C-alpha atoms as a PDB file:
ATOM      1  CA  UNK A   1     -54.050 -71.999  43.177  1.00  0.00           C
ATOM      2  CA  UNK A   2     -56.376 -69.338  44.121  1.00  0.00           C
ATOM      3  CA  UNK A   3     -56.264 -67.764  47.450  1.00  0.00           C
ATOM      4  CA  UNK A   4     -56.679 -70.629  50.207  1.00  0.00           C
ATOM      5  CA  UNK A   5     -59.721 -70.428  52.218  1.00  0.00           C
ATOM      6  CA  UNK A   6     -58.901 -71.150  55.316  1.00  0.00           C
ATOM      7  CA  UNK A   7     -62.332 -70.118  57.537  1.00  0.00           C
ATOM      8  CA  UNK A   8     -65.599 -69.937  57.498  1.00  0.00           C
ATOM      9  CA  UNK A   9     -68.379 -68.653  59.707  1.00  0.00           C
ATOM     10  CA  UNK A  10     -72.021 -66.934  59.682  1.00  0.00           C
ATOM     11  CA  UNK A  11     -71.663 -63.925  62.158  1.00  0.00           C
ATOM     12  CA  UNK A  12     -72.721 -65.132  65.359  1.00  0.00           C
ATOM     13  CA  UNK A  13     -75.702 -63.061  67.701  1.00  0.00           C
ATOM     14  CA  UNK A  14     -73.051 -62.199  70.301  1.00  0.00           C
ATOM     15  CA  UNK A  15     -69.878 -61.130  67.693  1.00  0.00           C
ATOM     16  CA  UNK A  16     -72.083 -58.090  67.358  1.00  0.00           C
ATOM     17  CA  UNK A  17     -71.629 -54.418  69.302  1.00  0.00           C
ATOM     18  CA  UNK A  18     -74.663 -51.733  70.099  1.00  0.00           C
ATOM     19  CA  UNK A  19     -74.770 -50.309  66.260  1.00  0.00           C
ATOM     20  CA  UNK A  20     -74.899 -53.849  65.033  1.00  0.00           C
ATOM     21  CA  UNK A  21     -71.751 -54.596  63.914  1.00  0.00           C
ATOM     22  CA  UNK A  22     -68.936 -57.083  64.591  1.00  0.00           C
ATOM     23  CA  UNK A  23     -66.837 -56.096  67.289  1.00  0.00           C
ATOM     24  CA  UNK A  24     -63.430 -55.137  66.684  1.00  0.00           C
ATOM     25  CA  UNK A  25     -61.928 -58.082  69.091  1.00  0.00           C
ATOM     26  CA  UNK A  26     -63.733 -61.181  66.486  1.00  0.00           C
ATOM     27  CA  UNK A  27     -62.536 -60.064  63.337  1.00  0.00           C
ATOM     28  CA  UNK A  28     -58.664 -61.459  65.311  1.00  0.00           C
ATOM     29  CA  UNK A  29     -61.067 -64.372  66.619  1.00  0.00           C
ATOM     30  CA  UNK A  30     -61.883 -65.038  63.085  1.00  0.00           C
ATOM     31  CA  UNK A  31     -57.921 -64.739  62.078  1.00  0.00           C
ATOM     32  CA  UNK A  32     -56.939 -66.721  64.793  1.00  0.00           C
ATOM     33  CA  UNK A  33     -59.188 -70.089  63.839  1.00  0.00           C
ATOM     34  CA  UNK A  34     -58.282 -69.030  59.718  1.00  0.00           C
ATOM     35  CA  UNK A  35     -54.075 -69.729  61.649  1.00  0.00           C
ATOM     36  CA  UNK A  36     -55.270 -73.177  63.548  1.00  0.00           C
ATOM     37  CA  UNK A  37     -57.072 -74.412  60.174  1.00  0.00           C
ATOM     38  CA  UNK A  38     -53.371 -72.400  58.047  1.00  0.00           C
ATOM     39  CA  UNK A  39     -51.197 -75.261  61.271  1.00  0.00           C
ATOM     40  CA  UNK A  40     -53.086 -78.139  60.281  1.00  0.00           C
ATOM     41  CA  UNK A  41     -52.233 -77.812  56.227  1.00  0.00           C
ATOM     42  CA  UNK A  42     -48.427 -77.011  57.175  1.00  0.00           C
ATOM     43  CA  UNK A  43     -48.141 -80.330  59.459  1.00  0.00           C
ATOM     44  CA  UNK A  44     -48.940 -78.262  63.069  1.00  0.00           C
ATOM     45  CA  UNK A  45     -52.131 -80.346  63.548  1.00  0.00           C
ATOM     46  CA  UNK A  46     -53.332 -81.341  67.446  1.00  0.00           C
ATOM     47  CA  UNK A  47     -51.876 -84.621  66.859  1.00  0.00           C
ATOM     48  CA  UNK A  48     -48.338 -83.340  65.475  1.00  0.00           C
ATOM     49  CA  UNK A  49     -48.615 -80.680  67.985  1.00  0.00           C
ATOM     50  CA  UNK A  50     -48.978 -83.083  70.662  1.00  0.00           C
ATOM     51  CA  UNK A  51     -46.224 -85.413  69.165  1.00  0.00           C
ATOM     52  CA  UNK A  52     -43.430 -82.754  68.666  1.00  0.00           C
ATOM     53  CA  UNK A  53     -44.250 -80.530  71.149  1.00  0.00           C
ATOM     54  CA  UNK A  54     -44.324 -77.498  68.543  1.00  0.00           C
ATOM     55  CA  UNK A  55     -46.420 -75.392  67.480  1.00  0.00           C
ATOM     56  CA  UNK A  56     -46.715 -71.463  66.263  1.00  0.00           C
ATOM     57  CA  UNK A  57     -47.002 -68.445  68.700  1.00  0.00           C
ATOM     58  CA  UNK A  58     -48.404 -65.018  67.200  1.00  0.00           C
ATOM     59  CA  UNK A  59     -45.659 -62.395  67.004  1.00  0.00           C
ATOM     60  CA  UNK A  60     -47.811 -59.530  65.942  1.00  0.00           C
ATOM     61  CA  UNK A  61     -50.864 -58.905  64.262  1.00  0.00           C
ATOM     62  CA  UNK A  62     -51.804 -56.037  62.097  1.00  0.00           C
ATOM     63  CA  UNK A  63     -55.995 -55.441  61.550  1.00  0.00           C
ATOM     64  CA  UNK A  64     -57.191 -53.664  58.876  1.00  0.00           C
ATOM     65  CA  UNK A  65     -61.186 -52.975  59.492  1.00  0.00           C
ATOM     66  CA  UNK A  66     -62.171 -51.629  55.767  1.00  0.00           C
ATOM     67  CA  UNK A  67     -66.175 -52.412  55.678  1.00  0.00           C
ATOM     68  CA  UNK A  68     -69.041 -52.982  57.756  1.00  0.00           C
ATOM     69  CA  UNK A  69     -69.644 -56.863  58.230  1.00  0.00           C
ATOM     70  CA  UNK A  70     -73.001 -57.724  60.169  1.00  0.00           C
ATOM     71  CA  UNK A  71     -74.795 -60.325  62.102  1.00  0.00           C
ATOM     72  CA  UNK A  72     -75.544 -63.404  60.318  1.00  0.00           C
ATOM     73  CA  UNK A  73     -73.703 -62.408  56.939  1.00  0.00           C
ATOM     74  CA  UNK A  74     -71.245 -65.673  55.962  1.00  0.00           C
ATOM     75  CA  UNK A  75     -68.058 -64.612  55.965  1.00  0.00           C
ATOM     76  CA  UNK A  76     -65.016 -66.510  54.846  1.00  0.00           C
ATOM     77  CA  UNK A  77     -60.761 -65.938  54.895  1.00  0.00           C
ATOM     78  CA  UNK A  78     -58.598 -66.439  52.689  1.00  0.00           C
ATOM     79  CA  UNK A  79     -54.431 -67.026  53.406  1.00  0.00           C
ATOM     80  CA  UNK A  80     -51.603 -66.112  51.960  1.00  0.00           C
ATOM     81  CA  UNK A  81     -48.375 -66.171  52.813  1.00  0.00           C
ATOM     82  CA  UNK A  82     -45.859 -63.234  52.457  1.00  0.00           C
ATOM     83  CA  UNK A  83     -42.766 -65.541  53.379  1.00  0.00           C
ATOM     84  CA  UNK A  84     -41.117 -67.310  55.775  1.00  0.00           C
ATOM     85  CA  UNK A  85     -37.785 -68.386  57.421  1.00  0.00           C
ATOM     86  CA  UNK A  86     -36.179 -71.035  59.224  1.00  0.00           C
ATOM     87  CA  UNK A  87     -39.111 -70.188  62.175  1.00  0.00           C
ATOM     88  CA  UNK A  88     -41.143 -67.324  60.973  1.00  0.00           C
ATOM     89  CA  UNK A  89     -44.045 -67.483  59.399  1.00  0.00           C
ATOM     90  CA  UNK A  90     -45.343 -63.765  57.972  1.00  0.00           C
ATOM     91  CA  UNK A  91     -49.441 -64.747  56.537  1.00  0.00           C
ATOM     92  CA  UNK A  92     -51.836 -62.659  54.967  1.00  0.00           C
ATOM     93  CA  UNK A  93     -55.919 -63.201  56.367  1.00  0.00           C
ATOM     94  CA  UNK A  94     -58.279 -61.679  54.343  1.00  0.00           C
ATOM     95  CA  UNK A  95     -62.411 -61.952  55.499  1.00  0.00           C
ATOM     96  CA  UNK A  96     -65.025 -62.161  53.008  1.00  0.00           C
ATOM     97  CA  UNK A  97     -68.235 -61.991  51.744  1.00  0.00           C
ATOM     98  CA  UNK A  98     -70.256 -63.059  48.499  1.00  0.00           C
ATOM     99  CA  UNK A  99     -71.480 -60.387  46.705  1.00  0.00           C
ATOM    100  CA  UNK A 100     -69.082 -57.984  47.590  1.00  0.00           C
ATOM    101  CA  UNK A 101     -65.458 -57.893  46.012  1.00  0.00           C
ATOM    102  CA  UNK A 102     -63.202 -56.481  48.312  1.00  0.00           C
ATOM    103  CA  UNK A 103     -61.950 -58.003  51.338  1.00  0.00           C
ATOM    104  CA  UNK A 104     -64.128 -56.493  54.739  1.00  0.00           C
ATOM    105  CA  UNK A 105     -60.917 -56.766  56.777  1.00  0.00           C
ATOM    106  CA  UNK A 106     -57.156 -58.001  56.677  1.00  0.00           C
ATOM    107  CA  UNK A 107     -54.910 -59.120  59.321  1.00  0.00           C
ATOM    108  CA  UNK A 108     -51.043 -59.399  58.085  1.00  0.00           C
ATOM    109  CA  UNK A 109     -49.594 -61.757  60.923  1.00  0.00           C
ATOM    110  CA  UNK A 110     -45.935 -62.867  62.182  1.00  0.00           C
ATOM    111  CA  UNK A 111     -46.094 -66.297  63.689  1.00  0.00           C
ATOM    112  CA  UNK A 112     -43.092 -68.091  65.264  1.00  0.00           C
ATOM    113  CA  UNK A 113     -42.490 -72.187  65.339  1.00  0.00           C
ATOM    114  CA  UNK A 114     -41.594 -73.134  69.214  1.00  0.00           C
ATOM    115  CA  UNK A 115     -40.270 -75.757  71.497  1.00  0.00           C
ATOM    116  CA  UNK A 116     -43.096 -76.303  73.426  1.00  0.00           C
ATOM    117  CA  UNK A 117     -40.793 -77.551  76.154  1.00  0.00           C
ATOM    118  CA  UNK A 118     -38.558 -74.100  76.609  1.00  0.00           C
ATOM    119  CA  UNK A 119     -40.956 -72.631  75.511  1.00  0.00           C
ATOM    120  CA  UNK A 120     -38.368 -70.971  72.449  1.00  0.00           C
ATOM    121  CA  UNK A 121     -38.317 -70.721  69.110  1.00  0.00           C
ATOM    122  CA  UNK A 122     -37.297 -73.777  66.567  1.00  0.00           C
ATOM    123  CA  UNK A 123     -36.583 -74.086  63.154  1.00  0.00           C
ATOM    124  CA  UNK A 124     -39.816 -75.873  61.357  1.00  0.00           C
ATOM    125  CA  UNK A 125     -39.685 -79.273  60.525  1.00  0.00           C
ATOM    126  CA  UNK A 126     -38.856 -80.798  57.185  1.00  0.00           C
ATOM    127  CA  UNK A 127     -42.607 -81.532  56.863  1.00  0.00           C
ATOM    128  CA  UNK A 128     -43.742 -78.144  57.560  1.00  0.00           C
ATOM    129  CA  UNK A 129     -40.941 -76.836  55.279  1.00  0.00           C
ATOM    130  CA  UNK A 130     -42.443 -78.940  52.653  1.00  0.00           C
ATOM    131  CA  UNK A 131     -45.548 -77.793  52.477  1.00  0.00           C
ATOM    132  CA  UNK A 132     -45.270 -74.269  53.443  1.00  0.00           C
ATOM    133  CA  UNK A 133     -43.082 -74.039  49.965  1.00  0.00           C
ATOM    134  CA  UNK A 134     -45.860 -76.205  48.157  1.00  0.00           C
ATOM    135  CA  UNK A 135     -47.923 -73.606  49.254  1.00  0.00           C
ATOM    136  CA  UNK A 136     -45.837 -70.521  48.430  1.00  0.00           C
ATOM    137  CA  UNK A 137     -45.118 -72.113  44.762  1.00  0.00           C
ATOM    138  CA  UNK A 138     -49.275 -72.013  44.659  1.00  0.00           C
ATOM    139  CA  UNK A 139     -49.218 -68.656  45.351  1.00  0.00           C
ATOM    140  CA  UNK A 140     -46.951 -67.131  43.448  1.00  0.00           C
ATOM    141  CA  UNK A 141     -49.346 -65.659  40.605  1.00  0.00           C
ATOM    142  CA  UNK A 142     -51.285 -64.042  43.380  1.00  0.00           C
ATOM    143  CA  UNK A 143     -51.334 -60.517  43.898  1.00  0.00           C
ATOM    144  CA  UNK A 144     -48.791 -58.826  46.472  1.00  0.00           C
ATOM    145  CA  UNK A 145     -50.935 -58.339  49.919  1.00  0.00           C
ATOM    146  CA  UNK A 146     -52.530 -54.968  49.155  1.00  0.00           C
ATOM    147  CA  UNK A 147     -52.491 -54.026  53.138  1.00  0.00           C
ATOM    148  CA  UNK A 148     -49.139 -55.790  54.013  1.00  0.00           C
ATOM    149  CA  UNK A 149     -46.402 -53.713  55.244  1.00  0.00           C
ATOM    150  CA  UNK A 150     -48.700 -50.405  56.531  1.00  0.00           C
ATOM    151  CA  UNK A 151     -47.468 -48.306  59.528  1.00  0.00           C
ATOM    152  CA  UNK A 152     -49.659 -46.552  62.048  1.00  0.00           C
ATOM    153  CA  UNK A 153     -49.142 -43.237  62.240  1.00  0.00           C
ATOM    154  CA  UNK A 154     -50.312 -39.170  62.428  1.00  0.00           C
ATOM    155  CA  UNK A 155     -49.833 -37.133  59.318  1.00  0.00           C
ATOM    156  CA  UNK A 156     -47.428 -34.231  59.413  1.00  0.00           C
END
């Protein structure tokens, strides 16, 4: 399976800064929309969330800004399942554009499955587990996500 494309958009005028580059916050917005699309793929779409009262919350997100992105550029997000357990999902999103082989940005995220009635953490349902297992298996031949597990610090 090629990498899963979860979101596609042109960079909009209100998203760029005084340098003509995509603003920091909008990278996260784009990755957030990719997470929403992934939720639909694993049985956590709006109807399912309404019926089950379960959703995903983001526990942690890291973004690596790797290359400039300018106004009007058509970008897309590729999503890789890094791992999951009974309540958590570890994903890797990378941002891409036509004609450029490297990722423009990357985001590693840890998501938590939540029962909204609490709110409190809750195990994934059987359907979501089966869909996640299917995605993970389909992605088993993808190269490892490049910007996973990095620690931010000054040398020395």
